[in-house]
Amino acid sequence: MAKMLKKDATKLLAKVPEANQFWCRDGRLLRSTRELEKALIDMADETFAYHSNGERADFSTWVKDVIGDQQLAKDLTKMSNRTQAAKTVASRVSVLNKTLTTDKTPVTNKTLAKKTSN
């Protein structure tokens, strides 16, 4: 597995544009992996089941297509309940945060501008 760089972790933790936010059945609007983590901790099991069941994979689809985190999306497809999903997202956020604090690759304004223009 390739080493994740600081710029990649930054992108995966960033807030998405308002137009791409996740509209949760309970009324929450989520714009980042961190917000998904917090929402999963206290959302009702019924809300989780609405978005993640045999017919729907809303969380993993949003994470893959909007956030761009293929690994987390793949992991979320395997989660059968809210508690597992919350732990999985929390673990991923922890890894991404650790990358931000340990990777010595500088993130410059040029790097950020390039990231936001894509």
PDB file of N, CA and C in Angstrom:
ATOM      1  N   MET A   1       0.839  -1.187   0.000  1.00  0.00           N
ATOM      2  CA  MET A   1       0.000   0.000   0.000  1.00  0.00           C
ATOM      3  C   MET A   1       0.879   1.244   0.000  1.00  0.00           C
ATOM      4  N   ALA A   2       0.576   2.187  -0.837  1.00  0.00           N
ATOM      5  CA  ALA A   2       1.349   3.419  -0.950  1.00  0.00           C
ATOM      6  C   ALA A   2       1.143   4.284   0.291  1.00  0.00           C
ATOM      7  N   LYS A   3       2.190   4.980   0.661  1.00  0.00           N
ATOM      8  CA  LYS A   3       2.118   5.882   1.811  1.00  0.00           C
ATOM      9  C   LYS A   3       1.221   7.067   1.472  1.00  0.00           C
ATOM     10  N   MET A   4       0.335   7.386   2.385  1.00  0.00           N
ATOM     11  CA  MET A   4      -0.538   8.547   2.175  1.00  0.00           C
ATOM     12  C   MET A   4       0.225   9.812   2.496  1.00  0.00           C
ATOM     13  N   LEU A   5       0.092  10.783   1.639  1.00  0.00           N
ATOM     14  CA  LEU A   5       0.749  12.062   1.844  1.00  0.00           C
ATOM     15  C   LEU A   5      -0.171  13.039   2.559  1.00  0.00           C
ATOM     16  N   LYS A   6       0.447  14.058   3.127  1.00  0.00           N
ATOM     17  CA  LYS A   6      -0.292  15.080   3.859  1.00  0.00           C
ATOM     18  C   LYS A   6      -1.360  15.736   2.977  1.00  0.00           C
ATOM     19  N   LYS A   7      -1.013  16.010   1.711  1.00  0.00           N
ATOM     20  CA  LYS A   7      -1.977  16.655   0.818  1.00  0.00           C
ATOM     21  C   LYS A   7      -3.193  15.757   0.576  1.00  0.00           C
ATOM     22  N   ASP A   8      -2.980  14.435   0.527  1.00  0.00           N
ATOM     23  CA  ASP A   8      -4.093  13.504   0.337  1.00  0.00           C
ATOM     24  C   ASP A   8      -4.986  13.466   1.575  1.00  0.00           C
ATOM     25  N   ALA A   9      -4.366  13.425   2.743  1.00  0.00           N
ATOM     26  CA  ALA A   9      -5.130  13.417   3.994  1.00  0.00           C
ATOM     27  C   ALA A   9      -5.923  14.710   4.142  1.00  0.00           C
ATOM     28  N   THR A  10      -5.312  15.816   3.779  1.00  0.00           N
ATOM     29  CA  THR A  10      -5.997  17.110   3.852  1.00  0.00           C
ATOM     30  C   THR A  10      -7.234  17.106   2.974  1.00  0.00           C
ATOM     31  N   LYS A  11      -7.084  16.599   1.771  1.00  0.00           N
ATOM     32  CA  LYS A  11      -8.209  16.540   0.826  1.00  0.00           C
ATOM     33  C   LYS A  11      -9.329  15.653   1.362  1.00  0.00           C
ATOM     34  N   LEU A  12      -8.970  14.498   1.923  1.00  0.00           N
ATOM     35  CA  LEU A  12      -9.981  13.557   2.403  1.00  0.00           C
ATOM     36  C   LEU A  12     -10.698  14.041   3.662  1.00  0.00           C
ATOM     37  N   LEU A  13     -10.092  14.969   4.373  1.00  0.00           N
ATOM     38  CA  LEU A  13     -10.726  15.518   5.579  1.00  0.00           C
ATOM     39  C   LEU A  13     -11.422  16.852   5.330  1.00  0.00           C
ATOM     40  N   ALA A  14     -11.232  17.421   4.161  1.00  0.00           N
ATOM     41  CA  ALA A  14     -11.791  18.743   3.861  1.00  0.00           C
ATOM     42  C   ALA A  14     -13.313  18.706   3.731  1.00  0.00           C
ATOM     43  N   LYS A  15     -13.909  19.868   3.949  1.00  0.00           N
ATOM     44  CA  LYS A  15     -15.349  20.008   3.717  1.00  0.00           C
ATOM     45  C   LYS A  15     -15.601  20.064   2.222  1.00  0.00           C
ATOM     46  N   VAL A  16     -16.666  19.417   1.798  1.00  0.00           N
ATOM     47  CA  VAL A  16     -17.044  19.448   0.384  1.00  0.00           C
ATOM     48  C   VAL A  16     -17.930  20.670   0.140  1.00  0.00           C
ATOM     49  N   PRO A  17     -18.072  21.070  -1.112  1.00  0.00           N
ATOM     50  CA  PRO A  17     -18.966  22.197  -1.406  1.00  0.00           C
ATOM     51  C   PRO A  17     -20.395  21.889  -0.940  1.00  0.00           C
ATOM     52  N   GLU A  18     -21.091  22.941  -0.584  1.00  0.00           N
ATOM     53  CA  GLU A  18     -22.458  22.800  -0.091  1.00  0.00           C
ATOM     54  C   GLU A  18     -23.341  21.983  -1.042  1.00  0.00           C
ATOM     55  N   ALA A  19     -23.130  22.146  -2.328  1.00  0.00           N
ATOM     56  CA  ALA A  19     -23.935  21.420  -3.325  1.00  0.00           C
ATOM     57  C   ALA A  19     -23.728  19.911  -3.257  1.00  0.00           C
ATOM     58  N   ASN A  20     -22.617  19.481  -2.654  1.00  0.00           N
ATOM     59  CA  ASN A  20     -22.307  18.045  -2.572  1.00  0.00           C
ATOM     60  C   ASN A  20     -22.469  17.470  -1.172  1.00  0.00           C
ATOM     61  N   GLN A  21     -23.082  18.232  -0.282  1.00  0.00           N
ATOM     62  CA  GLN A  21     -23.248  17.741   1.079  1.00  0.00           C
ATOM     63  C   GLN A  21     -24.190  16.536   1.111  1.00  0.00           C
ATOM     64  N   PHE A  22     -24.076  15.757   2.168  1.00  0.00           N
ATOM     65  CA  PHE A  22     -24.925  14.581   2.352  1.00  0.00           C
ATOM     66  C   PHE A  22     -26.166  14.998   3.127  1.00  0.00           C
ATOM     67  N   TRP A  23     -27.311  14.706   2.560  1.00  0.00           N
ATOM     68  CA  TRP A  23     -28.583  15.017   3.209  1.00  0.00           C
ATOM     69  C   TRP A  23     -29.048  13.773   3.949  1.00  0.00           C
ATOM     70  N   CYS A  24     -28.924  13.818   5.251  1.00  0.00           N
ATOM     71  CA  CYS A  24     -29.294  12.680   6.082  1.00  0.00           C
ATOM     72  C   CYS A  24     -30.801  12.696   6.347  1.00  0.00           C
ATOM     73  N   ARG A  25     -31.383  11.530   6.457  1.00  0.00           N
ATOM     74  CA  ARG A  25     -32.832  11.412   6.652  1.00  0.00           C
ATOM     75  C   ARG A  25     -33.319  12.148   7.902  1.00  0.00           C
ATOM     76  N   ASP A  26     -32.456  12.234   8.919  1.00  0.00           N
ATOM     77  CA  ASP A  26     -32.869  12.904  10.161  1.00  0.00           C
ATOM     78  C   ASP A  26     -32.705  14.428  10.095  1.00  0.00           C
ATOM     79  N   GLY A  27     -32.367  14.949   8.914  1.00  0.00           N
ATOM     80  CA  GLY A  27     -32.267  16.384   8.728  1.00  0.00           C
ATOM     81  C   GLY A  27     -30.864  16.953   8.782  1.00  0.00           C
ATOM     82  N   ARG A  28     -29.908  16.168   9.184  1.00  0.00           N
ATOM     83  CA  ARG A  28     -28.529  16.643   9.235  1.00  0.00           C
ATOM     84  C   ARG A  28     -27.971  16.844   7.830  1.00  0.00           C
ATOM     85  N   LEU A  29     -27.085  17.789   7.727  1.00  0.00           N
ATOM     86  CA  LEU A  29     -26.352  18.024   6.489  1.00  0.00           C
ATOM     87  C   LEU A  29     -24.875  17.802   6.797  1.00  0.00           C
ATOM     88  N   LEU A  30     -24.264  16.879   6.096  1.00  0.00           N
ATOM     89  CA  LEU A  30     -22.870  16.522   6.362  1.00  0.00           C
ATOM     90  C   LEU A  30     -21.992  16.964   5.207  1.00  0.00           C
ATOM     91  N   ARG A  31     -20.847  17.558   5.561  1.00  0.00           N
ATOM     92  CA  ARG A  31     -19.956  18.070   4.512  1.00  0.00           C
ATOM     93  C   ARG A  31     -18.545  17.522   4.610  1.00  0.00           C
ATOM     94  N   SER A  32     -18.276  16.619   5.542  1.00  0.00           N
ATOM     95  CA  SER A  32     -16.917  16.095   5.662  1.00  0.00           C
ATOM     96  C   SER A  32     -16.924  14.734   6.345  1.00  0.00           C
ATOM     97  N   THR A  33     -15.790  14.074   6.269  1.00  0.00           N
ATOM     98  CA  THR A  33     -15.619  12.790   6.945  1.00  0.00           C
ATOM     99  C   THR A  33     -15.744  12.967   8.450  1.00  0.00           C
ATOM    100  N   ARG A  34     -15.212  14.067   8.955  1.00  0.00           N
ATOM    101  CA  ARG A  34     -15.321  14.326  10.396  1.00  0.00           C
ATOM    102  C   ARG A  34     -16.785  14.507  10.816  1.00  0.00           C
ATOM    103  N   GLU A  35     -17.562  15.199   9.991  1.00  0.00           N
ATOM    104  CA  GLU A  35     -18.982  15.385  10.305  1.00  0.00           C
ATOM    105  C   GLU A  35     -19.735  14.053  10.221  1.00  0.00           C
ATOM    106  N   LEU A  36     -19.351  13.209   9.280  1.00  0.00           N
ATOM    107  CA  LEU A  36     -19.953  11.875   9.198  1.00  0.00           C
ATOM    108  C   LEU A  36     -19.634  11.077  10.454  1.00  0.00           C
ATOM    109  N   GLU A  37     -18.397  11.162  10.899  1.00  0.00           N
ATOM    110  CA  GLU A  37     -17.989  10.466  12.125  1.00  0.00           C
ATOM    111  C   GLU A  37     -18.879  10.883  13.300  1.00  0.00           C
ATOM    112  N   LYS A  38     -19.024  12.182  13.501  1.00  0.00           N
ATOM    113  CA  LYS A  38     -19.833  12.679  14.616  1.00  0.00           C
ATOM    114  C   LYS A  38     -21.301  12.292  14.471  1.00  0.00           C
ATOM    115  N   ALA A  39     -21.819  12.343  13.260  1.00  0.00           N
ATOM    116  CA  ALA A  39     -23.224  12.006  13.030  1.00  0.00           C
ATOM    117  C   ALA A  39     -23.496  10.536  13.328  1.00  0.00           C
ATOM    118  N   LEU A  40     -22.589   9.667  12.913  1.00  0.00           N
ATOM    119  CA  LEU A  40     -22.791   8.230  13.136  1.00  0.00           C
ATOM    120  C   LEU A  40     -22.783   7.866  14.615  1.00  0.00           C
ATOM    121  N   ILE A  41     -22.062   8.627  15.406  1.00  0.00           N
ATOM    122  CA  ILE A  41     -21.983   8.336  16.841  1.00  0.00           C
ATOM    123  C   ILE A  41     -23.349   8.447  17.501  1.00  0.00           C
ATOM    124  N   ASP A  42     -24.130   9.464  17.132  1.00  0.00           N
ATOM    125  CA  ASP A  42     -25.396   9.646  17.856  1.00  0.00           C
ATOM    126  C   ASP A  42     -26.647   9.575  16.985  1.00  0.00           C
ATOM    127  N   MET A  43     -26.504   9.159  15.738  1.00  0.00           N
ATOM    128  CA  MET A  43     -27.699   9.031  14.902  1.00  0.00           C
ATOM    129  C   MET A  43     -28.486   7.792  15.328  1.00  0.00           C
ATOM    130  N   ALA A  44     -29.778   7.833  15.104  1.00  0.00           N
ATOM    131  CA  ALA A  44     -30.634   6.683  15.425  1.00  0.00           C
ATOM    132  C   ALA A  44     -30.289   5.516  14.504  1.00  0.00           C
ATOM    133  N   ASP A  45     -30.391   4.322  15.045  1.00  0.00           N
ATOM    134  CA  ASP A  45     -30.127   3.130  14.244  1.00  0.00           C
ATOM    135  C   ASP A  45     -31.040   3.066  13.025  1.00  0.00           C
ATOM    136  N   GLU A  46     -32.251   3.566  13.171  1.00  0.00           N
ATOM    137  CA  GLU A  46     -33.207   3.563  12.061  1.00  0.00           C
ATOM    138  C   GLU A  46     -32.727   4.466  10.923  1.00  0.00           C
ATOM    139  N   THR A  47     -32.130   5.587  11.277  1.00  0.00           N
ATOM    140  CA  THR A  47     -31.594   6.487  10.257  1.00  0.00           C
ATOM    141  C   THR A  47     -30.447   5.814   9.523  1.00  0.00           C
ATOM    142  N   PHE A  48     -29.562   5.181  10.276  1.00  0.00           N
ATOM    143  CA  PHE A  48     -28.463   4.454   9.639  1.00  0.00           C
ATOM    144  C   PHE A  48     -29.012   3.382   8.704  1.00  0.00           C
ATOM    145  N   ALA A  49     -29.989   2.625   9.177  1.00  0.00           N
ATOM    146  CA  ALA A  49     -30.556   1.541   8.378  1.00  0.00           C
ATOM    147  C   ALA A  49     -31.226   2.058   7.104  1.00  0.00           C
ATOM    148  N   TYR A  50     -31.804   3.238   7.161  1.00  0.00           N
ATOM    149  CA  TYR A  50     -32.413   3.828   5.973  1.00  0.00           C
ATOM    150  C   TYR A  50     -31.357   4.078   4.888  1.00  0.00           C
ATOM    151  N   HIS A  51     -30.195   4.563   5.311  1.00  0.00           N
ATOM    152  CA  HIS A  51     -29.145   4.921   4.361  1.00  0.00           C
ATOM    153  C   HIS A  51     -28.205   3.776   4.011  1.00  0.00           C
ATOM    154  N   SER A  52     -28.219   2.721   4.805  1.00  0.00           N
ATOM    155  CA  SER A  52     -27.288   1.612   4.577  1.00  0.00           C
ATOM    156  C   SER A  52     -28.011   0.294   4.826  1.00  0.00           C
ATOM    157  N   ASN A  53     -28.410  -0.345   3.745  1.00  0.00           N
ATOM    158  CA  ASN A  53     -29.140  -1.616   3.840  1.00  0.00           C
ATOM    159  C   ASN A  53     -28.891  -2.422   2.568  1.00  0.00           C
ATOM    160  N   GLY A  54     -29.630  -3.470   2.365  1.00  0.00           N
ATOM    161  CA  GLY A  54     -29.437  -4.308   1.188  1.00  0.00           C
ATOM    162  C   GLY A  54     -29.668  -3.597  -0.131  1.00  0.00           C
ATOM    163  N   GLU A  55     -30.464  -2.544  -0.098  1.00  0.00           N
ATOM    164  CA  GLU A  55     -30.785  -1.806  -1.318  1.00  0.00           C
ATOM    165  C   GLU A  55     -30.012  -0.497  -1.463  1.00  0.00           C
ATOM    166  N   ARG A  56     -29.553   0.051  -0.354  1.00  0.00           N
ATOM    167  CA  ARG A  56     -28.890   1.360  -0.386  1.00  0.00           C
ATOM    168  C   ARG A  56     -27.521   1.279   0.272  1.00  0.00           C
ATOM    169  N   ALA A  57     -26.627   2.084  -0.242  1.00  0.00           N
ATOM    170  CA  ALA A  57     -25.295   2.238   0.353  1.00  0.00           C
ATOM    171  C   ALA A  57     -24.937   3.724   0.281  1.00  0.00           C
ATOM    172  N   ASP A  58     -25.825   4.550   0.823  1.00  0.00           N
ATOM    173  CA  ASP A  58     -25.691   5.998   0.683  1.00  0.00           C
ATOM    174  C   ASP A  58     -24.394   6.549   1.263  1.00  0.00           C
ATOM    175  N   PHE A  59     -24.017   6.087   2.454  1.00  0.00           N
ATOM    176  CA  PHE A  59     -22.801   6.611   3.084  1.00  0.00           C
ATOM    177  C   PHE A  59     -21.567   6.251   2.268  1.00  0.00           C
ATOM    178  N   SER A  60     -21.438   4.989   1.904  1.00  0.00           N
ATOM    179  CA  SER A  60     -20.249   4.579   1.151  1.00  0.00           C
ATOM    180  C   SER A  60     -20.217   5.208  -0.236  1.00  0.00           C
ATOM    181  N   THR A  61     -21.370   5.369  -0.855  1.00  0.00           N
ATOM    182  CA  THR A  61     -21.417   6.019  -2.170  1.00  0.00           C
ATOM    183  C   THR A  61     -20.972   7.468  -2.077  1.00  0.00           C
ATOM    184  N   TRP A  62     -21.460   8.192  -1.071  1.00  0.00           N
ATOM    185  CA  TRP A  62     -21.082   9.596  -0.885  1.00  0.00           C
ATOM    186  C   TRP A  62     -19.584   9.716  -0.581  1.00  0.00           C
ATOM    187  N   VAL A  63     -19.090   8.850   0.289  1.00  0.00           N
ATOM    188  CA  VAL A  63     -17.668   8.885   0.644  1.00  0.00           C
ATOM    189  C   VAL A  63     -16.805   8.606  -0.587  1.00  0.00           C
ATOM    190  N   LYS A  64     -17.226   7.671  -1.421  1.00  0.00           N
ATOM    191  CA  LYS A  64     -16.458   7.334  -2.628  1.00  0.00           C
ATOM    192  C   LYS A  64     -16.553   8.435  -3.681  1.00  0.00           C
ATOM    193  N   ASP A  65     -17.772   8.842  -4.009  1.00  0.00           N
ATOM    194  CA  ASP A  65     -17.986   9.755  -5.133  1.00  0.00           C
ATOM    195  C   ASP A  65     -17.739  11.228  -4.810  1.00  0.00           C
ATOM    196  N   VAL A  66     -17.970  11.623  -3.571  1.00  0.00           N
ATOM    197  CA  VAL A  66     -17.847  13.041  -3.212  1.00  0.00           C
ATOM    198  C   VAL A  66     -16.569  13.307  -2.415  1.00  0.00           C
ATOM    199  N   ILE A  67     -16.364  12.570  -1.347  1.00  0.00           N
ATOM    200  CA  ILE A  67     -15.158  12.753  -0.529  1.00  0.00           C
ATOM    201  C   ILE A  67     -13.928  12.261  -1.296  1.00  0.00           C
ATOM    202  N   GLY A  68     -14.094  11.149  -2.010  1.00  0.00           N
ATOM    203  CA  GLY A  68     -12.981  10.599  -2.777  1.00  0.00           C
ATOM    204  C   GLY A  68     -12.140   9.590  -2.017  1.00  0.00           C
ATOM    205  N   ASP A  69     -12.667   9.079  -0.922  1.00  0.00           N
ATOM    206  CA  ASP A  69     -11.929   8.110  -0.098  1.00  0.00           C
ATOM    207  C   ASP A  69     -12.378   6.694  -0.457  1.00  0.00           C
ATOM    208  N   GLN A  70     -11.680   6.101  -1.399  1.00  0.00           N
ATOM    209  CA  GLN A  70     -12.037   4.766  -1.886  1.00  0.00           C
ATOM    210  C   GLN A  70     -11.945   3.713  -0.780  1.00  0.00           C
ATOM    211  N   GLN A  71     -10.902   3.812   0.058  1.00  0.00           N
ATOM    212  CA  GLN A  71     -10.709   2.816   1.117  1.00  0.00           C
ATOM    213  C   GLN A  71     -11.837   2.867   2.143  1.00  0.00           C
ATOM    214  N   LEU A  72     -12.172   4.049   2.611  1.00  0.00           N
ATOM    215  CA  LEU A  72     -13.255   4.170   3.588  1.00  0.00           C
ATOM    216  C   LEU A  72     -14.576   3.726   2.980  1.00  0.00           C
ATOM    217  N   ALA A  73     -14.817   4.079   1.744  1.00  0.00           N
ATOM    218  CA  ALA A  73     -16.055   3.670   1.079  1.00  0.00           C
ATOM    219  C   ALA A  73     -16.158   2.145   1.033  1.00  0.00           C
ATOM    220  N   LYS A  74     -15.072   1.504   0.682  1.00  0.00           N
ATOM    221  CA  LYS A  74     -15.044   0.031   0.629  1.00  0.00           C
ATOM    222  C   LYS A  74     -15.322  -0.565   2.012  1.00  0.00           C
ATOM    223  N   ASP A  75     -14.689   0.013   3.022  1.00  0.00           N
ATOM    224  CA  ASP A  75     -14.896  -0.477   4.397  1.00  0.00           C
ATOM    225  C   ASP A  75     -16.344  -0.278   4.845  1.00  0.00           C
ATOM    226  N   LEU A  76     -16.933   0.850   4.495  1.00  0.00           N
ATOM    227  CA  LEU A  76     -18.317   1.126   4.908  1.00  0.00           C
ATOM    228  C   LEU A  76     -19.322   0.162   4.279  1.00  0.00           C
ATOM    229  N   THR A  77     -19.021  -0.350   3.098  1.00  0.00           N
ATOM    230  CA  THR A  77     -19.951  -1.304   2.472  1.00  0.00           C
ATOM    231  C   THR A  77     -20.060  -2.592   3.270  1.00  0.00           C
ATOM    232  N   LYS A  78     -19.076  -2.852   4.102  1.00  0.00           N
ATOM    233  CA  LYS A  78     -19.065  -4.079   4.915  1.00  0.00           C
ATOM    234  C   LYS A  78     -19.747  -3.909   6.276  1.00  0.00           C
ATOM    235  N   MET A  79     -20.114  -2.690   6.623  1.00  0.00           N
ATOM    236  CA  MET A  79     -20.689  -2.412   7.940  1.00  0.00           C
ATOM    237  C   MET A  79     -22.179  -2.724   7.970  1.00  0.00           C
ATOM    238  N   SER A  80     -22.582  -3.492   8.958  1.00  0.00           N
ATOM    239  CA  SER A  80     -23.991  -3.871   9.055  1.00  0.00           C
ATOM    240  C   SER A  80     -24.758  -3.071  10.101  1.00  0.00           C
ATOM    241  N   ASN A  81     -24.040  -2.273  10.901  1.00  0.00           N
ATOM    242  CA  ASN A  81     -24.749  -1.452  11.883  1.00  0.00           C
ATOM    243  C   ASN A  81     -24.017  -0.132  12.119  1.00  0.00           C
ATOM    244  N   ARG A  82     -24.713   0.777  12.733  1.00  0.00           N
ATOM    245  CA  ARG A  82     -24.220   2.140  12.969  1.00  0.00           C
ATOM    246  C   ARG A  82     -22.963   2.158  13.826  1.00  0.00           C
ATOM    247  N   THR A  83     -22.917   1.333  14.857  1.00  0.00           N
ATOM    248  CA  THR A  83     -21.769   1.316  15.756  1.00  0.00           C
ATOM    249  C   THR A  83     -20.498   0.902  15.018  1.00  0.00           C
ATOM    250  N   GLN A  84     -20.590  -0.125  14.195  1.00  0.00           N
ATOM    251  CA  GLN A  84     -19.438  -0.551  13.392  1.00  0.00           C
ATOM    252  C   GLN A  84     -19.016   0.558  12.436  1.00  0.00           C
ATOM    253  N   ALA A  85     -19.981   1.169  11.790  1.00  0.00           N
ATOM    254  CA  ALA A  85     -19.681   2.242  10.835  1.00  0.00           C
ATOM    255  C   ALA A  85     -19.010   3.417  11.543  1.00  0.00           C
ATOM    256  N   ALA A  86     -19.522   3.782  12.712  1.00  0.00           N
ATOM    257  CA  ALA A  86     -18.945   4.898  13.468  1.00  0.00           C
ATOM    258  C   ALA A  86     -17.491   4.596  13.840  1.00  0.00           C
ATOM    259  N   LYS A  87     -17.215   3.380  14.280  1.00  0.00           N
ATOM    260  CA  LYS A  87     -15.843   2.997  14.637  1.00  0.00           C
ATOM    261  C   LYS A  87     -14.932   2.993  13.415  1.00  0.00           C
ATOM    262  N   THR A  88     -15.453   2.548  12.295  1.00  0.00           N
ATOM    263  CA  THR A  88     -14.677   2.508  11.059  1.00  0.00           C
ATOM    264  C   THR A  88     -14.312   3.909  10.596  1.00  0.00           C
ATOM    265  N   VAL A  89     -15.283   4.813  10.622  1.00  0.00           N
ATOM    266  CA  VAL A  89     -15.024   6.194  10.205  1.00  0.00           C
ATOM    267  C   VAL A  89     -14.078   6.859  11.200  1.00  0.00           C
ATOM    268  N   ALA A  90     -14.278   6.629  12.494  1.00  0.00           N
ATOM    269  CA  ALA A  90     -13.399   7.213  13.513  1.00  0.00           C
ATOM    270  C   ALA A  90     -11.958   6.732  13.325  1.00  0.00           C
ATOM    271  N   SER A  91     -11.795   5.467  13.011  1.00  0.00           N
ATOM    272  CA  SER A  91     -10.459   4.920  12.773  1.00  0.00           C
ATOM    273  C   SER A  91      -9.806   5.574  11.563  1.00  0.00           C
ATOM    274  N   ARG A  92     -10.572   5.749  10.501  1.00  0.00           N
ATOM    275  CA  ARG A  92     -10.039   6.382   9.292  1.00  0.00           C
ATOM    276  C   ARG A  92      -9.661   7.845   9.556  1.00  0.00           C
ATOM    277  N   VAL A  93     -10.519   8.560  10.267  1.00  0.00           N
ATOM    278  CA  VAL A  93     -10.223   9.951  10.605  1.00  0.00           C
ATOM    279  C   VAL A  93      -8.944  10.021  11.442  1.00  0.00           C
ATOM    280  N   SER A  94      -8.783   9.085  12.360  1.00  0.00           N
ATOM    281  CA  SER A  94      -7.584   9.044  13.191  1.00  0.00           C
ATOM    282  C   SER A  94      -6.326   8.837  12.345  1.00  0.00           C
ATOM    283  N   VAL A  95      -6.388   7.923  11.387  1.00  0.00           N
ATOM    284  CA  VAL A  95      -5.252   7.669  10.489  1.00  0.00           C
ATOM    285  C   VAL A  95      -4.948   8.926   9.675  1.00  0.00           C
ATOM    286  N   LEU A  96      -5.979   9.561   9.155  1.00  0.00           N
ATOM    287  CA  LEU A  96      -5.780  10.777   8.352  1.00  0.00           C
ATOM    288  C   LEU A  96      -5.193  11.905   9.202  1.00  0.00           C
ATOM    289  N   ASN A  97      -5.699  12.060  10.419  1.00  0.00           N
ATOM    290  CA  ASN A  97      -5.160  13.083  11.324  1.00  0.00           C
ATOM    291  C   ASN A  97      -3.699  12.805  11.659  1.00  0.00           C
ATOM    292  N   LYS A  98      -3.379  11.534  11.869  1.00  0.00           N
ATOM    293  CA  LYS A  98      -1.987  11.159  12.173  1.00  0.00           C
ATOM    294  C   LYS A  98      -1.092  11.496  10.985  1.00  0.00           C
ATOM    295  N   THR A  99      -1.580  11.257   9.783  1.00  0.00           N
ATOM    296  CA  THR A  99      -0.815  11.600   8.583  1.00  0.00           C
ATOM    297  C   THR A  99      -0.531  13.097   8.547  1.00  0.00           C
ATOM    298  N   LEU A 100      -1.503  13.888   8.938  1.00  0.00           N
ATOM    299  CA  LEU A 100      -1.314  15.342   8.942  1.00  0.00           C
ATOM    300  C   LEU A 100      -0.227  15.776   9.915  1.00  0.00           C
ATOM    301  N   THR A 101      -0.092  15.057  11.006  1.00  0.00           N
ATOM    302  CA  THR A 101       0.879  15.465  12.027  1.00  0.00           C
ATOM    303  C   THR A 101       2.245  14.817  11.844  1.00  0.00           C
ATOM    304  N   THR A 102       2.333  13.735  11.065  1.00  0.00           N
ATOM    305  CA  THR A 102       3.621  13.057  10.921  1.00  0.00           C
ATOM    306  C   THR A 102       4.271  13.236   9.560  1.00  0.00           C
ATOM    307  N   ASP A 103       3.487  13.470   8.526  1.00  0.00           N
ATOM    308  CA  ASP A 103       4.050  13.654   7.184  1.00  0.00           C
ATOM    309  C   ASP A 103       4.740  15.012   7.122  1.00  0.00           C
ATOM    310  N   LYS A 104       5.955  15.012   6.666  1.00  0.00           N
ATOM    311  CA  LYS A 104       6.732  16.255   6.593  1.00  0.00           C
ATOM    312  C   LYS A 104       6.618  16.937   5.238  1.00  0.00           C
ATOM    313  N   THR A 105       5.788  16.377   4.329  1.00  0.00           N
ATOM    314  CA  THR A 105       5.603  16.990   3.023  1.00  0.00           C
ATOM    315  C   THR A 105       4.824  18.288   3.197  1.00  0.00           C
ATOM    316  N   PRO A 106       5.404  19.424   2.814  1.00  0.00           N
ATOM    317  CA  PRO A 106       4.691  20.682   3.014  1.00  0.00           C
ATOM    318  C   PRO A 106       3.496  20.823   2.075  1.00  0.00           C
ATOM    319  N   VAL A 107       2.434  21.404   2.608  1.00  0.00           N
ATOM    320  CA  VAL A 107       1.276  21.737   1.789  1.00  0.00           C
ATOM    321  C   VAL A 107       1.361  23.234   1.538  1.00  0.00           C
ATOM    322  N   THR A 108       1.580  23.604   0.288  1.00  0.00           N
ATOM    323  CA  THR A 108       1.754  25.013  -0.057  1.00  0.00           C
ATOM    324  C   THR A 108       0.461  25.588  -0.595  1.00  0.00           C
ATOM    325  N   ASN A 109       0.411  26.895  -0.729  1.00  0.00           N
ATOM    326  CA  ASN A 109      -0.758  27.537  -1.325  1.00  0.00           C
ATOM    327  C   ASN A 109      -0.967  27.036  -2.746  1.00  0.00           C
ATOM    328  N   LYS A 110       0.127  26.794  -3.479  1.00  0.00           N
ATOM    329  CA  LYS A 110       0.035  26.282  -4.845  1.00  0.00           C
ATOM    330  C   LYS A 110      -0.622  24.896  -4.839  1.00  0.00           C
ATOM    331  N   THR A 111      -0.245  24.053  -3.888  1.00  0.00           N
ATOM    332  CA  THR A 111      -0.830  22.716  -3.763  1.00  0.00           C
ATOM    333  C   THR A 111      -2.311  22.829  -3.461  1.00  0.00           C
ATOM    334  N   LEU A 112      -2.666  23.712  -2.547  1.00  0.00           N
ATOM    335  CA  LEU A 112      -4.074  23.892  -2.174  1.00  0.00           C
ATOM    336  C   LEU A 112      -4.877  24.444  -3.338  1.00  0.00           C
ATOM    337  N   ALA A 113      -4.319  25.391  -4.066  1.00  0.00           N
ATOM    338  CA  ALA A 113      -5.018  25.969  -5.210  1.00  0.00           C
ATOM    339  C   ALA A 113      -5.263  24.909  -6.276  1.00  0.00           C
ATOM    340  N   LYS A 114      -4.286  24.063  -6.499  1.00  0.00           N
ATOM    341  CA  LYS A 114      -4.427  22.980  -7.477  1.00  0.00           C
ATOM    342  C   LYS A 114      -5.515  22.020  -7.039  1.00  0.00           C
ATOM    343  N   LYS A 115      -5.548  21.684  -5.744  1.00  0.00           N
ATOM    344  CA  LYS A 115      -6.537  20.757  -5.195  1.00  0.00           C
ATOM    345  C   LYS A 115      -7.947  21.305  -5.354  1.00  0.00           C
ATOM    346  N   THR A 116      -8.146  22.569  -5.101  1.00  0.00           N
ATOM    347  CA  THR A 116      -9.486  23.139  -5.161  1.00  0.00           C
ATOM    348  C   THR A 116      -9.958  23.397  -6.590  1.00  0.00           C
ATOM    349  N   SER A 117      -9.013  23.459  -7.529  1.00  0.00           N
ATOM    350  CA  SER A 117      -9.406  23.695  -8.918  1.00  0.00           C
ATOM    351  C   SER A 117      -9.859  22.418  -9.605  1.00  0.00           C
ATOM    352  N   ASN A 118      -9.573  21.268  -9.018  1.00  0.00           N
ATOM    353  CA  ASN A 118      -9.979  19.974  -9.620  1.00  0.00           C
ATOM    354  C   ASN A 118     -11.409  19.665  -9.380  1.00  0.00           C
TER     355      ASN A 118
END
